[in-house]
């Protein structure tokens, strides 16, 4: 999950010549993973909780520490959320002076979970039904649904492992997608933005990507929002690193380089304005996920 400029890549010619390849991805699929967060607690046979200062450090100048706590990661069974059978809640908290295991201190804590070493897959369709925090108006909040190459700890560190950002949001009335690899990372040129045409950003929406050996197609509520092909990437000199397994990540970051690039805020926290800090301190900021699904042909 890294910052990027929002530049749609593609030509009409590329779309027409690869359309049939992607249409094959629309064939009936078999569900190979599903979690609707309907239990009483997170299913740890499917998910691992990341902890800042234990298995990774802070990146992108984000302002939170990720912790393994029922205060930041829990399942909410309340039908009032609008979820089908309960929802995963990643709940940001104001915690001045929180000390991570590596001794670093933070003023905020939040949640991040992943399927690494538990659910990894090559090609297919992966999707999540998501409700953005603070009615999609919390400037500097950075919820995401994304994936990383499973070889990240086996000789292919980021960005060589490959990253696919299915949904990112920074408190504006839009979400973005992006891809990161050896020559395209950080401010990656492989990125796109969608603006909820005719829809309410605060509602529940399904974010999906279809991944084939020929490329990626991104959707919101079954409406295509962005497409990139392997051929197009290679013709631009960008190495294709997406023929190996990926694992999924859900997290709620606070502030950092991507929010700052959009809102320009540096005080009281980098990328995080006082109005959003107040919302976090009031206990209102949480990112809800109804379900996550992986399907393959």
Protein backbone atom coordinates (compact mmCIF):
# COMPACT_ATOMS: atom_id res chain seq x y z
CA UNK A 1 0.00 0.00 0.00
CA UNK A 2 1.95 2.95 -1.29
CA UNK A 3 1.28 6.45 -2.61
CA UNK A 4 0.74 7.05 -6.26
CA UNK A 5 -0.41 9.58 -8.80
CA UNK A 6 -3.88 8.87 -10.18
CA UNK A 7 -3.08 8.33 -13.86
CA UNK A 8 -5.24 5.92 -15.87
CA UNK A 9 -3.11 3.83 -18.25
CA UNK A 10 -4.52 2.33 -21.41
CA UNK A 11 -5.54 2.86 -24.99
CA UNK A 12 -8.67 1.96 -26.92
CA UNK A 13 -6.59 -0.31 -29.11
CA UNK A 14 -5.26 -2.27 -26.14
CA UNK A 15 -8.74 -2.63 -24.68
CA UNK A 16 -10.18 -3.95 -27.93
CA UNK A 17 -7.39 -6.38 -28.63
CA UNK A 18 -7.48 -7.89 -25.13
CA UNK A 19 -11.23 -7.83 -24.52
CA UNK A 20 -11.75 -11.47 -25.40
CA UNK A 21 -8.95 -12.54 -23.10
CA UNK A 22 -10.64 -10.85 -20.16
CA UNK A 23 -14.08 -12.11 -21.13
CA UNK A 24 -12.76 -15.60 -20.47
CA UNK A 25 -12.28 -14.50 -16.86
CA UNK A 26 -16.04 -13.92 -16.63
CA UNK A 27 -16.74 -17.66 -16.98
CA UNK A 28 -18.28 -19.48 -13.99
CA UNK A 29 -15.88 -19.70 -11.08
CA UNK A 30 -15.53 -21.91 -8.04
CA UNK A 31 -15.33 -20.31 -4.63
CA UNK A 32 -11.99 -21.24 -3.05
CA UNK A 33 -12.16 -18.89 -0.05
CA UNK A 34 -14.94 -17.10 1.77
CA UNK A 35 -15.23 -15.38 5.13
CA UNK A 36 -18.37 -13.49 6.12
CA UNK A 37 -17.16 -12.72 9.64
CA UNK A 38 -20.24 -14.34 11.13
CA UNK A 39 -18.57 -15.87 14.19
CA UNK A 40 -17.80 -14.33 17.56
CA UNK A 41 -14.16 -13.55 16.81
CA UNK A 42 -11.71 -13.40 13.93
CA UNK A 43 -11.05 -16.81 12.35
CA UNK A 44 -7.30 -17.19 12.79
CA UNK A 45 -7.18 -20.25 10.60
CA UNK A 46 -7.78 -17.77 7.77
CA UNK A 47 -6.23 -14.54 9.04
CA UNK A 48 -3.04 -13.43 10.79
CA UNK A 49 -2.94 -10.15 12.71
CA UNK A 50 -0.01 -7.85 11.94
CA UNK A 51 1.63 -6.07 14.87
CA UNK A 52 3.82 -3.02 14.30
CA UNK A 53 7.25 -3.54 15.82
CA UNK A 54 6.99 -7.33 15.77
CA UNK A 55 6.91 -8.52 12.17
CA UNK A 56 7.22 -5.19 10.34
CA UNK A 57 7.81 -1.50 10.92
CA UNK A 58 5.97 1.69 10.04
CA UNK A 59 5.85 2.57 6.34
CA UNK A 60 4.62 5.53 4.29
CA UNK A 61 4.94 7.85 7.33
CA UNK A 62 1.68 6.44 8.69
CA UNK A 63 0.76 7.64 12.16
CA UNK A 64 -0.66 4.45 13.72
CA UNK A 65 0.72 1.30 15.27
CA UNK A 66 -1.10 -1.90 14.38
CA UNK A 67 -1.99 -3.95 17.45
CA UNK A 68 -3.59 -7.32 18.13
CA UNK A 69 -6.43 -6.22 20.36
CA UNK A 70 -10.23 -6.66 20.57
CA UNK A 71 -10.34 -2.86 20.77
CA UNK A 72 -9.05 -2.54 17.20
CA UNK A 73 -10.07 -5.85 15.55
CA UNK A 74 -13.42 -7.47 16.29
CA UNK A 75 -16.59 -8.83 14.72
CA UNK A 76 -19.80 -6.82 15.01
CA UNK A 77 -22.98 -8.95 14.76
CA UNK A 78 -25.37 -5.97 14.86
CA UNK A 79 -27.72 -6.07 11.82
CA UNK A 80 -27.79 -2.28 11.96
CA UNK A 81 -24.35 -2.24 10.33
CA UNK A 82 -25.98 -3.39 7.09
CA UNK A 83 -23.72 -6.43 6.82
CA UNK A 84 -25.18 -9.81 5.88
CA UNK A 85 -24.16 -11.95 8.88
CA UNK A 86 -21.95 -9.68 10.90
CA UNK A 87 -19.01 -7.52 9.94
CA UNK A 88 -15.31 -7.28 10.58
CA UNK A 89 -14.51 -3.98 12.28
CA UNK A 90 -11.06 -2.42 12.12
CA UNK A 91 -11.42 0.33 14.71
CA UNK A 92 -8.88 3.14 15.01
CA UNK A 93 -8.20 4.42 18.54
CA UNK A 94 -6.50 7.46 20.01
CA UNK A 95 -3.78 6.11 22.31
CA UNK A 96 -1.18 8.82 23.05
CA UNK A 97 2.20 7.41 23.95
CA UNK A 98 1.47 3.84 22.88
CA UNK A 99 4.75 1.93 22.77
CA UNK A 100 5.18 -0.76 20.15
CA UNK A 101 7.28 -3.89 20.83
CA UNK A 102 10.27 -2.32 19.09
CA UNK A 103 10.17 0.69 21.46
CA UNK A 104 8.71 3.19 19.00
CA UNK A 105 5.87 5.35 20.28
CA UNK A 106 2.61 6.27 18.54
CA UNK A 107 -0.47 8.32 19.35
CA UNK A 108 -2.87 6.01 17.48
CA UNK A 109 -3.51 2.27 17.19
CA UNK A 110 -5.45 0.41 14.52
CA UNK A 111 -5.93 -3.01 12.90
CA UNK A 112 -4.37 -4.91 10.01
CA UNK A 113 -4.99 -8.55 9.05
CA UNK A 114 -3.65 -10.75 6.26
CA UNK A 115 -4.01 -14.25 4.80
CA UNK A 116 -0.26 -14.84 4.36
CA UNK A 117 0.73 -18.53 4.74
CA UNK A 118 -2.98 -19.41 5.12
CA UNK A 119 -4.80 -18.33 1.96
CA UNK A 120 -2.61 -17.71 -1.08
CA UNK A 121 -3.66 -18.05 -4.70
CA UNK A 122 -2.54 -17.47 -8.29
CA UNK A 123 -5.07 -15.88 -10.67
CA UNK A 124 -8.80 -15.69 -10.05
CA UNK A 125 -11.18 -13.07 -8.74
CA UNK A 126 -10.94 -11.60 -5.26
CA UNK A 127 -13.47 -9.25 -3.77
CA UNK A 128 -14.76 -7.69 -0.57
CA UNK A 129 -17.96 -5.91 0.45
CA UNK A 130 -16.83 -2.80 2.30
CA UNK A 131 -18.21 0.22 4.12
CA UNK A 132 -15.78 3.11 4.31
CA UNK A 133 -15.21 4.83 7.66
CA UNK A 134 -16.85 8.11 8.65
CA UNK A 135 -19.29 8.00 5.73
CA UNK A 136 -16.33 8.32 3.37
CA UNK A 137 -15.55 11.85 4.60
CA UNK A 138 -12.74 11.32 7.11
CA UNK A 139 -9.81 13.20 5.60
CA UNK A 140 -6.57 11.35 6.24
CA UNK A 141 -8.16 7.98 7.01
CA UNK A 142 -6.57 5.36 4.75
CA UNK A 143 -8.51 2.07 4.65
CA UNK A 144 -7.38 -0.47 2.06
CA UNK A 145 -8.04 -3.89 0.56
CA UNK A 146 -4.97 -5.19 -1.26
CA UNK A 147 -2.64 -8.10 -1.94
CA UNK A 148 1.07 -8.85 -1.94
CA UNK A 149 3.22 -11.52 -3.57
CA UNK A 150 3.64 -14.47 -1.20
CA UNK A 151 7.35 -14.56 -2.07
CA UNK A 152 7.91 -11.27 -0.24
CA UNK A 153 9.79 -13.14 2.52
CA UNK A 154 11.44 -15.62 0.14
CA UNK A 155 13.89 -13.59 -1.91
CA UNK A 156 11.45 -11.17 -3.54
CA UNK A 157 11.09 -8.15 -1.22
CA UNK A 158 8.75 -5.31 -2.05
CA UNK A 159 8.27 -4.14 -4.76
CA UNK A 160 9.75 -7.12 -6.63
CA UNK A 161 7.07 -9.35 -5.08
CA UNK A 162 4.27 -7.34 -6.72
CA UNK A 163 1.41 -5.48 -5.05
CA UNK A 164 -2.21 -5.06 -6.15
CA UNK A 165 -4.30 -2.35 -4.46
CA UNK A 166 -7.94 -3.31 -5.04
CA UNK A 167 -9.35 -0.43 -2.97
CA UNK A 168 -7.78 2.55 -1.25
CA UNK A 169 -9.55 5.55 0.20
CA UNK A 170 -8.23 8.74 1.83
CA UNK A 171 -11.44 10.48 2.90
CA UNK A 172 -12.41 11.91 -0.47
CA UNK A 173 -15.54 10.96 -2.50
CA UNK A 174 -13.58 8.44 -4.57
CA UNK A 175 -11.48 5.31 -4.25
CA UNK A 176 -8.38 4.32 -6.17
CA UNK A 177 -6.64 1.19 -7.45
CA UNK A 178 -2.98 0.68 -8.21
CA UNK A 179 -0.25 -1.83 -8.94
CA UNK A 180 3.36 -1.82 -7.76
CA UNK A 181 6.36 -3.71 -9.10
CA UNK A 182 10.07 -3.30 -9.87
CA UNK A 183 9.88 -0.21 -12.12
CA UNK A 184 6.47 1.09 -11.00
CA UNK A 185 6.12 1.68 -7.28
CA UNK A 186 5.43 4.44 -4.81
CA UNK A 187 4.15 7.11 -7.18
CA UNK A 188 3.18 4.35 -9.60
CA UNK A 189 1.87 5.20 -13.07
CA UNK A 190 -0.33 2.08 -13.01
CA UNK A 191 -3.26 3.54 -11.11
CA UNK A 192 -6.84 4.64 -11.55
CA UNK A 193 -9.60 6.45 -9.68
CA UNK A 194 -13.38 5.96 -9.61
CA UNK A 195 -15.92 8.48 -8.38
CA UNK A 196 -19.06 6.48 -7.44
CA UNK A 197 -21.04 7.80 -10.38
CA UNK A 198 -24.69 7.90 -9.29
CA UNK A 199 -23.89 6.18 -6.00
CA UNK A 200 -23.27 7.18 -2.40
CA UNK A 201 -19.63 6.63 -1.33
CA UNK A 202 -20.85 6.04 2.23
CA UNK A 203 -22.90 2.96 1.26
CA UNK A 204 -21.69 -0.62 1.19
CA UNK A 205 -19.88 -1.42 -2.07
CA UNK A 206 -18.21 -4.49 -3.53
CA UNK A 207 -14.62 -3.97 -4.67
CA UNK A 208 -13.20 -6.68 -6.93
CA UNK A 209 -10.29 -7.47 -9.19
CA UNK A 210 -10.14 -10.20 -11.83
CA UNK A 211 -6.60 -11.51 -12.30
CA UNK A 212 -5.61 -13.63 -15.31
CA UNK A 213 -2.27 -14.47 -16.92
CA UNK A 214 -3.08 -11.66 -19.37
CA UNK A 215 -3.76 -8.85 -16.90
CA UNK A 216 -6.03 -7.28 -14.28
CA UNK A 217 -9.51 -5.74 -14.40
CA UNK A 218 -10.90 -3.80 -11.42
CA UNK A 219 -14.58 -3.33 -10.53
CA UNK A 220 -16.84 -1.51 -8.09
CA UNK A 221 -20.29 -3.12 -7.79
CA UNK A 222 -19.66 -5.06 -11.04
CA UNK A 223 -18.89 -1.85 -12.95
CA UNK A 224 -15.44 -1.94 -14.54
CA UNK A 225 -13.32 0.96 -13.31
CA UNK A 226 -9.80 0.16 -14.55
CA UNK A 227 -7.95 -2.35 -16.70
CA UNK A 228 -4.30 -3.10 -17.42
CA UNK A 229 -2.82 -5.89 -19.53
CA UNK A 230 0.46 -7.76 -19.28
CA UNK A 231 1.19 -6.79 -22.89
CA UNK A 232 0.61 -3.14 -22.16
CA UNK A 233 2.82 -3.23 -19.08
CA UNK A 234 5.67 -4.91 -20.91
CA UNK A 235 5.40 -2.52 -23.85
CA UNK A 236 6.03 0.31 -21.36
CA UNK A 237 9.12 -1.44 -19.99
CA UNK A 238 7.44 -2.57 -16.77
CA UNK A 239 8.28 -6.06 -15.53
CA UNK A 240 5.28 -8.37 -15.08
CA UNK A 241 5.64 -10.08 -11.67
CA UNK A 242 2.14 -11.53 -11.32
CA UNK A 243 2.40 -15.24 -12.08
CA UNK A 244 3.05 -16.28 -8.48
CA UNK A 245 0.72 -16.58 -5.46
CA UNK A 246 -0.60 -13.50 -3.66
CA UNK A 247 -2.16 -13.08 -0.22
CA UNK A 248 -4.78 -10.52 0.84
CA UNK A 249 -4.57 -7.68 3.38
CA UNK A 250 -7.19 -5.50 5.06
CA UNK A 251 -6.04 -2.52 7.10
CA UNK A 252 -6.97 0.92 8.36
CA UNK A 253 -4.02 3.32 8.25
CA UNK A 254 -4.07 6.88 9.61
CA UNK A 255 -2.30 9.71 7.83
CA UNK A 256 0.86 9.15 5.83
CA UNK A 257 2.16 10.04 2.40
CA UNK A 258 -0.91 9.19 0.32
CA UNK A 259 -3.39 11.18 2.45
CA UNK A 260 -0.87 14.02 2.68
CA UNK A 261 -0.46 14.05 -1.11
CA UNK A 262 -4.22 14.63 -1.37
CA UNK A 263 -5.06 16.87 1.62
CA UNK A 264 -1.68 18.61 2.11
CA UNK A 265 -2.01 18.37 5.90
CA UNK A 266 1.12 18.34 8.04
CA UNK A 267 -0.31 19.33 11.45
CA UNK A 268 -1.18 18.07 13.99
CA UNK A 269 -0.08 14.87 12.24
CA UNK A 270 1.30 14.19 8.78
CA UNK A 271 -1.71 13.68 6.52
CA UNK A 272 -4.16 13.71 9.43
CA UNK A 273 -6.08 16.93 10.25
CA UNK A 274 -7.39 17.87 13.69
CA UNK A 275 -10.99 17.26 12.63
CA UNK A 276 -10.20 13.61 11.95
CA UNK A 277 -8.12 13.28 15.10
CA UNK A 278 -11.19 14.45 17.02
CA UNK A 279 -13.30 11.76 15.36
CA UNK A 280 -10.77 9.08 16.25
CA UNK A 281 -10.58 10.32 19.84
CA UNK A 282 -14.37 10.20 20.05
CA UNK A 283 -14.22 6.49 19.15
CA UNK A 284 -16.18 6.82 15.93
CA UNK A 285 -13.69 5.72 13.29
CA UNK A 286 -14.00 2.16 12.07
CA UNK A 287 -13.69 0.35 8.75
CA UNK A 288 -16.29 -2.40 8.16
CA UNK A 289 -16.00 -5.48 5.94
CA UNK A 290 -19.04 -7.69 5.34
CA UNK A 291 -17.24 -10.51 3.53
CA UNK A 292 -14.14 -11.45 1.51
CA UNK A 293 -14.24 -13.96 -1.34
CA UNK A 294 -11.77 -15.62 -3.74
CA UNK A 295 -13.01 -17.45 -6.83
CA UNK A 296 -11.10 -19.30 -9.53
CA UNK A 297 -12.15 -20.83 -12.88
